[in-house]
Amino acid sequence: MKKSKARLAALFFIAVYLLSVVAIQIAAPDQIIDPSDFPEKCPEDSLNCSIVSPYSHRSGGLMELRFNSNLETVMLEVNEWIDSNPRTEIIGEWTNQTHSVFKSLMFRFPDDFVVSGFCDNNQTVIYVYSQSRLGISDIGVNKDRVTSFAMHMKEVEMPTSECF
């Protein structure tokens, strides 16, 4: 009798977990952010968004990332960094922008991570946007992700060339 109650309780918790994961996916479907729709800034006072842009928000004051390499090389490195992270998927890719989704371990909450690049004075400049699709706080996950990405990109060695 106790074994059947334990099994029933386990099945109940598994069912609740699976329903929660499905509900999260239904509530936050993929909506591709194409280059013309790159977010200019995060919502004011947002606790679930970080951006490296002229309107820096929760990104350690970074306004841009600059590289002495061409845009194609920089974007390839962006995609390699994204692919090296668990539970990520690139859902939109252009020559100057990549839109990926990072999902949390337990409940698979989706976060959009978008990197947009352009040429300025023969250098490649990139802006970075990371935001949770659900909730009012990300517990610092997007800020940490943007900071980790910026540190990686600053440390990686890329061939020197002009941006074109």
N, C-alpha and C. Protein backbone atom coordinates (compact mmCIF):
# COMPACT_ATOMS: atom_id res chain seq x y z
N MET A 1 0.82 -1.19 0.00
CA MET A 1 0.00 0.00 0.00
C MET A 1 0.87 1.27 0.00
N LYS A 2 1.94 1.27 0.81
CA LYS A 2 2.81 2.43 0.88
C LYS A 2 3.55 2.64 -0.44
N LYS A 3 3.92 1.54 -1.12
CA LYS A 3 4.61 1.65 -2.40
C LYS A 3 3.70 2.30 -3.44
N SER A 4 2.44 1.95 -3.45
CA SER A 4 1.53 2.51 -4.45
C SER A 4 1.29 4.00 -4.17
N LYS A 5 1.25 4.41 -2.90
CA LYS A 5 1.10 5.83 -2.57
C LYS A 5 2.35 6.60 -2.99
N ALA A 6 3.51 6.01 -2.78
CA ALA A 6 4.76 6.65 -3.18
C ALA A 6 4.82 6.79 -4.70
N ARG A 7 4.40 5.76 -5.42
CA ARG A 7 4.38 5.82 -6.89
C ARG A 7 3.40 6.87 -7.36
N LEU A 8 2.24 6.91 -6.74
CA LEU A 8 1.22 7.89 -7.11
C LEU A 8 1.73 9.31 -6.86
N ALA A 9 2.40 9.52 -5.74
CA ALA A 9 2.97 10.84 -5.43
C ALA A 9 4.05 11.20 -6.45
N ALA A 10 4.90 10.24 -6.79
CA ALA A 10 5.96 10.48 -7.78
C ALA A 10 5.34 10.82 -9.13
N LEU A 11 4.34 10.07 -9.56
CA LEU A 11 3.66 10.36 -10.82
C LEU A 11 3.01 11.73 -10.80
N PHE A 12 2.44 12.10 -9.68
CA PHE A 12 1.81 13.41 -9.55
C PHE A 12 2.85 14.52 -9.74
N PHE A 13 4.00 14.41 -9.06
CA PHE A 13 5.03 15.43 -9.18
C PHE A 13 5.63 15.48 -10.59
N ILE A 14 5.80 14.34 -11.21
CA ILE A 14 6.30 14.31 -12.59
C ILE A 14 5.30 14.98 -13.52
N ALA A 15 4.02 14.68 -13.34
CA ALA A 15 2.97 15.28 -14.18
C ALA A 15 2.93 16.80 -14.00
N VAL A 16 3.02 17.26 -12.76
CA VAL A 16 3.02 18.70 -12.50
C VAL A 16 4.24 19.36 -13.14
N TYR A 17 5.40 18.72 -13.02
CA TYR A 17 6.62 19.25 -13.63
C TYR A 17 6.46 19.34 -15.15
N LEU A 18 6.02 18.27 -15.78
CA LEU A 18 5.87 18.26 -17.24
C LEU A 18 4.84 19.28 -17.70
N LEU A 19 3.75 19.39 -16.99
CA LEU A 19 2.74 20.41 -17.33
C LEU A 19 3.32 21.82 -17.18
N SER A 20 4.13 22.03 -16.17
CA SER A 20 4.77 23.34 -15.97
C SER A 20 5.70 23.67 -17.14
N VAL A 21 6.51 22.72 -17.55
CA VAL A 21 7.43 22.94 -18.67
C VAL A 21 6.65 23.25 -19.94
N VAL A 22 5.60 22.48 -20.21
CA VAL A 22 4.77 22.72 -21.40
C VAL A 22 4.11 24.09 -21.32
N ALA A 23 3.58 24.45 -20.16
CA ALA A 23 2.93 25.75 -19.99
C ALA A 23 3.91 26.90 -20.24
N ILE A 24 5.13 26.75 -19.78
CA ILE A 24 6.15 27.79 -20.00
C ILE A 24 6.43 27.93 -21.49
N GLN A 25 6.55 26.82 -22.20
CA GLN A 25 6.83 26.88 -23.64
C GLN A 25 5.66 27.51 -24.40
N ILE A 26 4.44 27.23 -23.98
CA ILE A 26 3.26 27.82 -24.63
C ILE A 26 3.18 29.32 -24.32
N ALA A 27 3.49 29.70 -23.10
CA ALA A 27 3.40 31.10 -22.68
C ALA A 27 4.50 31.97 -23.29
N ALA A 28 5.61 31.36 -23.71
CA ALA A 28 6.75 32.13 -24.20
C ALA A 28 7.29 31.52 -25.50
N PRO A 29 6.50 31.57 -26.59
CA PRO A 29 6.96 30.98 -27.85
C PRO A 29 8.10 31.80 -28.47
N ASP A 30 8.86 31.16 -29.36
CA ASP A 30 9.92 31.85 -30.07
C ASP A 30 9.33 32.92 -30.98
N GLN A 31 9.86 34.13 -30.88
CA GLN A 31 9.53 35.22 -31.79
C GLN A 31 10.86 35.80 -32.23
N ILE A 32 11.23 35.52 -33.46
CA ILE A 32 12.55 35.91 -33.96
C ILE A 32 12.68 37.43 -34.01
N ILE A 33 13.80 37.91 -33.49
CA ILE A 33 14.13 39.34 -33.54
C ILE A 33 15.07 39.53 -34.72
N ASP A 34 14.56 40.10 -35.81
CA ASP A 34 15.44 40.29 -36.97
C ASP A 34 16.22 41.59 -36.82
N PRO A 35 17.25 41.80 -37.67
CA PRO A 35 18.13 42.96 -37.50
C PRO A 35 17.41 44.31 -37.43
N SER A 36 16.34 44.48 -38.17
CA SER A 36 15.64 45.77 -38.14
C SER A 36 14.87 45.98 -36.84
N ASP A 37 14.69 44.91 -36.06
CA ASP A 37 13.95 45.00 -34.79
C ASP A 37 14.84 44.86 -33.56
N PHE A 38 16.17 44.97 -33.73
CA PHE A 38 17.06 44.86 -32.57
C PHE A 38 16.63 45.89 -31.52
N PRO A 39 16.40 45.45 -30.28
CA PRO A 39 15.92 46.38 -29.25
C PRO A 39 16.90 47.52 -29.00
N GLU A 40 16.39 48.72 -28.98
CA GLU A 40 17.22 49.89 -28.73
C GLU A 40 17.69 49.94 -27.29
N LYS A 41 16.79 49.56 -26.38
CA LYS A 41 17.13 49.58 -24.96
C LYS A 41 16.22 48.64 -24.19
N CYS A 42 16.59 48.37 -22.95
CA CYS A 42 15.76 47.56 -22.06
C CYS A 42 14.67 48.43 -21.46
N PRO A 43 13.56 47.82 -21.07
CA PRO A 43 12.54 48.59 -20.36
C PRO A 43 13.15 49.24 -19.11
N GLU A 44 12.72 50.46 -18.81
CA GLU A 44 13.25 51.18 -17.66
C GLU A 44 13.02 50.38 -16.37
N ASP A 45 14.01 50.33 -15.52
CA ASP A 45 13.97 49.62 -14.23
C ASP A 45 13.76 48.12 -14.38
N SER A 46 14.04 47.55 -15.54
CA SER A 46 13.87 46.12 -15.76
C SER A 46 14.88 45.31 -14.95
N LEU A 47 14.40 44.24 -14.35
CA LEU A 47 15.27 43.33 -13.61
C LEU A 47 15.47 42.01 -14.36
N ASN A 48 15.00 41.95 -15.61
CA ASN A 48 15.17 40.71 -16.38
C ASN A 48 15.77 40.97 -17.76
N CYS A 49 16.45 42.10 -17.90
CA CYS A 49 17.02 42.47 -19.20
C CYS A 49 18.39 43.10 -18.99
N SER A 50 19.32 42.80 -19.90
CA SER A 50 20.64 43.43 -19.92
C SER A 50 20.96 43.77 -21.36
N ILE A 51 21.61 44.92 -21.56
CA ILE A 51 21.97 45.31 -22.92
C ILE A 51 23.29 46.07 -22.91
N VAL A 52 24.12 45.76 -23.90
CA VAL A 52 25.34 46.51 -24.19
C VAL A 52 25.01 47.32 -25.43
N SER A 53 24.82 48.61 -25.26
CA SER A 53 24.46 49.51 -26.36
C SER A 53 24.63 50.94 -25.83
N PRO A 54 24.36 51.94 -26.65
CA PRO A 54 24.42 53.31 -26.12
C PRO A 54 23.50 53.52 -24.91
N TYR A 55 22.48 52.65 -24.77
CA TYR A 55 21.57 52.71 -23.63
C TYR A 55 21.85 51.54 -22.69
N SER A 56 23.08 51.41 -22.28
CA SER A 56 23.54 50.30 -21.43
C SER A 56 22.63 50.10 -20.22
N HIS A 57 22.31 48.83 -19.94
CA HIS A 57 21.45 48.51 -18.80
C HIS A 57 21.90 47.18 -18.22
N ARG A 58 22.28 47.16 -16.95
CA ARG A 58 22.71 45.95 -16.25
C ARG A 58 23.82 45.22 -17.03
N SER A 59 24.80 45.99 -17.52
CA SER A 59 25.89 45.38 -18.29
C SER A 59 27.24 45.92 -17.85
N GLY A 60 27.32 46.38 -16.64
CA GLY A 60 28.59 46.90 -16.14
C GLY A 60 29.02 48.18 -16.81
N GLY A 61 28.07 48.92 -17.39
CA GLY A 61 28.38 50.18 -18.05
C GLY A 61 28.93 50.05 -19.45
N LEU A 62 29.03 48.83 -19.97
CA LEU A 62 29.53 48.64 -21.34
C LEU A 62 28.56 49.26 -22.34
N MET A 63 29.09 50.07 -23.26
CA MET A 63 28.25 50.71 -24.28
C MET A 63 28.38 50.00 -25.64
N GLU A 64 29.48 49.29 -25.84
CA GLU A 64 29.72 48.56 -27.09
C GLU A 64 30.94 47.68 -26.90
N LEU A 65 31.09 46.72 -27.79
CA LEU A 65 32.31 45.92 -27.85
C LEU A 65 32.92 46.16 -29.22
N ARG A 66 34.21 46.53 -29.27
CA ARG A 66 34.90 46.85 -30.53
C ARG A 66 36.01 45.84 -30.79
N PHE A 67 36.17 45.51 -32.08
CA PHE A 67 37.17 44.53 -32.48
C PHE A 67 37.88 45.00 -33.74
N ASN A 68 39.19 44.73 -33.81
CA ASN A 68 39.98 45.01 -35.00
C ASN A 68 39.96 43.79 -35.91
N SER A 69 38.79 43.35 -36.26
CA SER A 69 38.61 42.19 -37.12
C SER A 69 37.34 42.41 -37.93
N ASN A 70 37.19 41.64 -39.01
CA ASN A 70 36.01 41.86 -39.84
C ASN A 70 34.75 41.27 -39.21
N LEU A 71 33.61 41.74 -39.67
CA LEU A 71 32.32 41.37 -39.09
C LEU A 71 32.07 39.87 -39.17
N GLU A 72 32.43 39.24 -40.29
CA GLU A 72 32.20 37.81 -40.45
C GLU A 72 32.96 37.00 -39.38
N THR A 73 34.21 37.34 -39.16
CA THR A 73 35.03 36.64 -38.16
C THR A 73 34.45 36.82 -36.76
N VAL A 74 34.05 38.04 -36.44
CA VAL A 74 33.49 38.31 -35.11
C VAL A 74 32.19 37.53 -34.91
N MET A 75 31.32 37.52 -35.93
CA MET A 75 30.04 36.82 -35.79
C MET A 75 30.24 35.31 -35.71
N LEU A 76 31.26 34.78 -36.37
CA LEU A 76 31.57 33.35 -36.23
C LEU A 76 31.97 33.03 -34.78
N GLU A 77 32.76 33.91 -34.18
CA GLU A 77 33.16 33.71 -32.78
C GLU A 77 31.96 33.84 -31.84
N VAL A 78 31.05 34.76 -32.16
CA VAL A 78 29.80 34.89 -31.38
C VAL A 78 29.05 33.56 -31.39
N ASN A 79 28.88 32.99 -32.58
CA ASN A 79 28.14 31.73 -32.71
C ASN A 79 28.85 30.57 -32.01
N GLU A 80 30.18 30.55 -32.06
CA GLU A 80 30.92 29.51 -31.36
C GLU A 80 30.70 29.61 -29.85
N TRP A 81 30.69 30.84 -29.32
CA TRP A 81 30.45 31.02 -27.89
C TRP A 81 29.04 30.55 -27.53
N ILE A 82 28.07 30.92 -28.34
CA ILE A 82 26.69 30.49 -28.09
C ILE A 82 26.61 28.97 -28.09
N ASP A 83 27.17 28.34 -29.12
CA ASP A 83 27.12 26.88 -29.23
C ASP A 83 27.84 26.16 -28.09
N SER A 84 28.79 26.84 -27.45
CA SER A 84 29.54 26.21 -26.36
C SER A 84 28.75 26.19 -25.04
N ASN A 85 27.63 26.86 -25.01
CA ASN A 85 26.79 26.92 -23.80
C ASN A 85 25.71 25.86 -23.85
N PRO A 86 25.37 25.27 -22.71
CA PRO A 86 24.32 24.24 -22.69
C PRO A 86 22.93 24.84 -22.90
N ARG A 87 22.04 24.03 -23.46
CA ARG A 87 20.63 24.38 -23.63
C ARG A 87 20.44 25.66 -24.43
N THR A 88 21.21 25.82 -25.50
CA THR A 88 21.08 26.98 -26.37
C THR A 88 20.69 26.54 -27.77
N GLU A 89 20.03 27.45 -28.47
CA GLU A 89 19.66 27.19 -29.86
C GLU A 89 19.67 28.52 -30.60
N ILE A 90 20.32 28.54 -31.75
CA ILE A 90 20.28 29.73 -32.61
C ILE A 90 19.00 29.63 -33.43
N ILE A 91 18.12 30.64 -33.29
CA ILE A 91 16.84 30.60 -34.01
C ILE A 91 16.77 31.61 -35.15
N GLY A 92 17.74 32.51 -35.23
CA GLY A 92 17.81 33.47 -36.31
C GLY A 92 19.25 33.87 -36.55
N GLU A 93 19.66 33.84 -37.81
CA GLU A 93 21.07 34.16 -38.11
C GLU A 93 21.15 34.93 -39.42
N TRP A 94 21.81 36.08 -39.36
CA TRP A 94 22.05 36.92 -40.51
C TRP A 94 23.54 37.25 -40.52
N THR A 95 24.02 37.93 -41.55
CA THR A 95 25.45 38.26 -41.60
C THR A 95 25.85 39.20 -40.47
N ASN A 96 24.92 40.02 -39.99
CA ASN A 96 25.25 41.01 -38.96
C ASN A 96 24.56 40.78 -37.62
N GLN A 97 23.81 39.68 -37.48
CA GLN A 97 23.10 39.45 -36.22
C GLN A 97 22.82 37.97 -36.00
N THR A 98 22.84 37.58 -34.74
CA THR A 98 22.47 36.23 -34.33
C THR A 98 21.47 36.34 -33.19
N HIS A 99 20.37 35.60 -33.31
CA HIS A 99 19.36 35.54 -32.24
C HIS A 99 19.33 34.10 -31.74
N SER A 100 19.63 33.94 -30.47
CA SER A 100 19.62 32.61 -29.87
C SER A 100 18.73 32.61 -28.63
N VAL A 101 18.41 31.39 -28.19
CA VAL A 101 17.60 31.22 -26.99
C VAL A 101 18.37 30.34 -26.02
N PHE A 102 18.51 30.81 -24.80
CA PHE A 102 19.10 30.06 -23.70
C PHE A 102 17.95 29.59 -22.82
N LYS A 103 17.97 28.33 -22.41
CA LYS A 103 16.90 27.81 -21.55
C LYS A 103 17.47 27.37 -20.21
N SER A 104 16.74 27.69 -19.15
CA SER A 104 17.17 27.32 -17.80
C SER A 104 17.11 25.80 -17.63
N LEU A 105 17.88 25.31 -16.68
CA LEU A 105 18.03 23.87 -16.49
C LEU A 105 16.73 23.19 -16.07
N MET A 106 16.10 23.65 -15.05
CA MET A 106 14.99 22.91 -14.46
C MET A 106 13.68 23.05 -15.24
N PHE A 107 13.22 24.28 -15.40
CA PHE A 107 11.90 24.48 -16.01
C PHE A 107 11.95 24.97 -17.45
N ARG A 108 13.16 25.13 -18.00
CA ARG A 108 13.33 25.52 -19.40
C ARG A 108 12.77 26.91 -19.71
N PHE A 109 12.91 27.84 -18.74
CA PHE A 109 12.52 29.22 -19.01
C PHE A 109 13.39 29.76 -20.14
N PRO A 110 12.80 30.37 -21.19
CA PRO A 110 13.60 30.87 -22.31
C PRO A 110 14.06 32.31 -22.11
N ASP A 111 15.32 32.56 -22.45
CA ASP A 111 15.88 33.91 -22.48
C ASP A 111 16.38 34.17 -23.90
N ASP A 112 16.02 35.33 -24.45
CA ASP A 112 16.53 35.72 -25.76
C ASP A 112 17.91 36.34 -25.58
N PHE A 113 18.84 35.97 -26.47
CA PHE A 113 20.20 36.51 -26.47
C PHE A 113 20.49 36.91 -27.91
N VAL A 114 20.61 38.22 -28.14
CA VAL A 114 20.77 38.73 -29.51
C VAL A 114 22.05 39.55 -29.58
N VAL A 115 22.88 39.26 -30.58
CA VAL A 115 24.11 40.00 -30.81
C VAL A 115 24.02 40.60 -32.20
N SER A 116 24.19 41.92 -32.27
CA SER A 116 24.10 42.65 -33.54
C SER A 116 25.42 43.36 -33.79
N GLY A 117 25.93 43.26 -35.02
CA GLY A 117 27.22 43.87 -35.34
C GLY A 117 27.15 44.79 -36.54
N PHE A 118 28.10 45.72 -36.60
CA PHE A 118 28.20 46.63 -37.74
C PHE A 118 29.63 47.17 -37.80
N CYS A 119 29.96 47.80 -38.91
CA CYS A 119 31.29 48.37 -39.09
C CYS A 119 31.27 49.86 -38.75
N ASP A 120 32.33 50.32 -38.08
CA ASP A 120 32.49 51.72 -37.74
C ASP A 120 33.98 52.03 -37.70
N ASN A 121 34.43 52.93 -38.56
CA ASN A 121 35.85 53.31 -38.63
C ASN A 121 36.76 52.09 -38.78
N ASN A 122 36.39 51.18 -39.67
CA ASN A 122 37.15 49.97 -39.99
C ASN A 122 37.22 48.96 -38.84
N GLN A 123 36.43 49.15 -37.81
CA GLN A 123 36.35 48.19 -36.70
C GLN A 123 34.95 47.58 -36.68
N THR A 124 34.86 46.38 -36.12
CA THR A 124 33.55 45.75 -35.91
C THR A 124 33.06 46.15 -34.52
N VAL A 125 31.83 46.61 -34.47
CA VAL A 125 31.19 46.99 -33.21
C VAL A 125 30.01 46.05 -33.01
N ILE A 126 29.87 45.52 -31.79
CA ILE A 126 28.70 44.69 -31.52
C ILE A 126 27.95 45.22 -30.30
N TYR A 127 26.63 45.08 -30.39
CA TYR A 127 25.72 45.34 -29.28
C TYR A 127 25.15 43.99 -28.86
N VAL A 128 24.84 43.86 -27.58
CA VAL A 128 24.36 42.59 -27.03
C VAL A 128 23.09 42.85 -26.22
N TYR A 129 22.09 42.00 -26.43
CA TYR A 129 20.80 42.12 -25.73
C TYR A 129 20.44 40.75 -25.18
N SER A 130 20.08 40.70 -23.91
CA SER A 130 19.68 39.44 -23.29
C SER A 130 18.51 39.71 -22.35
N GLN A 131 17.38 39.01 -22.57
CA GLN A 131 16.20 39.25 -21.75
C GLN A 131 15.40 37.98 -21.55
N SER A 132 14.90 37.82 -20.33
CA SER A 132 13.98 36.72 -20.02
C SER A 132 12.63 37.04 -20.64
N ARG A 133 11.98 36.02 -21.18
CA ARG A 133 10.66 36.23 -21.78
C ARG A 133 9.55 36.28 -20.75
N LEU A 134 9.75 35.63 -19.62
CA LEU A 134 8.72 35.57 -18.59
C LEU A 134 9.25 36.12 -17.27
N GLY A 135 8.36 36.68 -16.47
CA GLY A 135 8.72 37.10 -15.13
C GLY A 135 9.20 38.53 -15.05
N ILE A 136 9.44 38.97 -13.83
CA ILE A 136 9.90 40.34 -13.61
C ILE A 136 11.35 40.40 -13.16
N SER A 137 11.95 39.25 -12.86
CA SER A 137 13.35 39.21 -12.45
C SER A 137 14.00 37.94 -13.00
N ASP A 138 15.28 38.06 -13.32
CA ASP A 138 16.02 36.91 -13.84
C ASP A 138 17.07 36.41 -12.85
N ILE A 139 17.05 36.93 -11.65
CA ILE A 139 18.00 36.57 -10.59
C ILE A 139 19.44 36.81 -11.06
N GLY A 140 19.63 37.80 -11.92
CA GLY A 140 20.96 38.17 -12.39
C GLY A 140 21.51 37.33 -13.52
N VAL A 141 20.72 36.40 -14.06
CA VAL A 141 21.22 35.48 -15.09
C VAL A 141 21.61 36.22 -16.37
N ASN A 142 20.79 37.15 -16.84
CA ASN A 142 21.10 37.85 -18.08
C ASN A 142 22.31 38.76 -17.93
N LYS A 143 22.41 39.43 -16.80
CA LYS A 143 23.59 40.27 -16.54
C LYS A 143 24.85 39.42 -16.54
N ASP A 144 24.81 38.28 -15.85
CA ASP A 144 25.96 37.38 -15.82
C ASP A 144 26.30 36.85 -17.21
N ARG A 145 25.27 36.52 -18.00
CA ARG A 145 25.49 36.00 -19.35
C ARG A 145 26.17 37.06 -20.23
N VAL A 146 25.68 38.29 -20.17
CA VAL A 146 26.26 39.37 -20.97
C VAL A 146 27.69 39.64 -20.54
N THR A 147 27.94 39.65 -19.24
CA THR A 147 29.29 39.88 -18.72
C THR A 147 30.23 38.76 -19.14
N SER A 148 29.77 37.53 -19.03
CA SER A 148 30.59 36.38 -19.44
C SER A 148 30.90 36.44 -20.93
N PHE A 149 29.91 36.78 -21.73
CA PHE A 149 30.11 36.89 -23.18
C PHE A 149 31.12 37.99 -23.49
N ALA A 150 30.97 39.15 -22.87
CA ALA A 150 31.89 40.27 -23.12
C ALA A 150 33.32 39.90 -22.74
N MET A 151 33.49 39.24 -21.59
CA MET A 151 34.83 38.81 -21.16
C MET A 151 35.42 37.83 -22.17
N HIS A 152 34.61 36.88 -22.63
CA HIS A 152 35.10 35.91 -23.60
C HIS A 152 35.54 36.61 -24.89
N MET A 153 34.69 37.50 -25.39
CA MET A 153 35.00 38.16 -26.66
C MET A 153 36.24 39.04 -26.55
N LYS A 154 36.47 39.63 -25.39
CA LYS A 154 37.66 40.46 -25.20
C LYS A 154 38.93 39.62 -25.15
N GLU A 155 38.81 38.38 -24.68
CA GLU A 155 39.98 37.51 -24.51
C GLU A 155 40.33 36.70 -25.76
N VAL A 156 39.37 36.46 -26.63
CA VAL A 156 39.61 35.61 -27.78
C VAL A 156 40.50 36.34 -28.80
N GLU A 157 41.39 35.58 -29.42
CA GLU A 157 42.26 36.15 -30.44
C GLU A 157 41.64 35.94 -31.81
N MET A 158 41.43 37.03 -32.52
CA MET A 158 40.89 36.97 -33.88
C MET A 158 41.89 37.64 -34.81
N PRO A 159 41.92 37.19 -36.06
CA PRO A 159 42.84 37.83 -37.01
C PRO A 159 42.51 39.31 -37.18
N THR A 160 43.55 40.11 -37.26
CA THR A 160 43.36 41.55 -37.45
C THR A 160 43.04 41.83 -38.91
N SER A 161 41.96 42.55 -39.11
CA SER A 161 41.58 42.99 -40.46
C SER A 161 40.57 44.11 -40.33
N GLU A 162 40.38 44.83 -41.40
CA GLU A 162 39.41 45.92 -41.38
C GLU A 162 38.01 45.37 -41.53
N CYS A 163 37.08 46.05 -40.91
CA CYS A 163 35.68 45.66 -41.03
C CYS A 163 35.15 46.21 -42.36
N PHE A 164 34.45 45.34 -43.07
CA PHE A 164 33.86 45.76 -44.34
C PHE A 164 32.51 45.15 -44.51
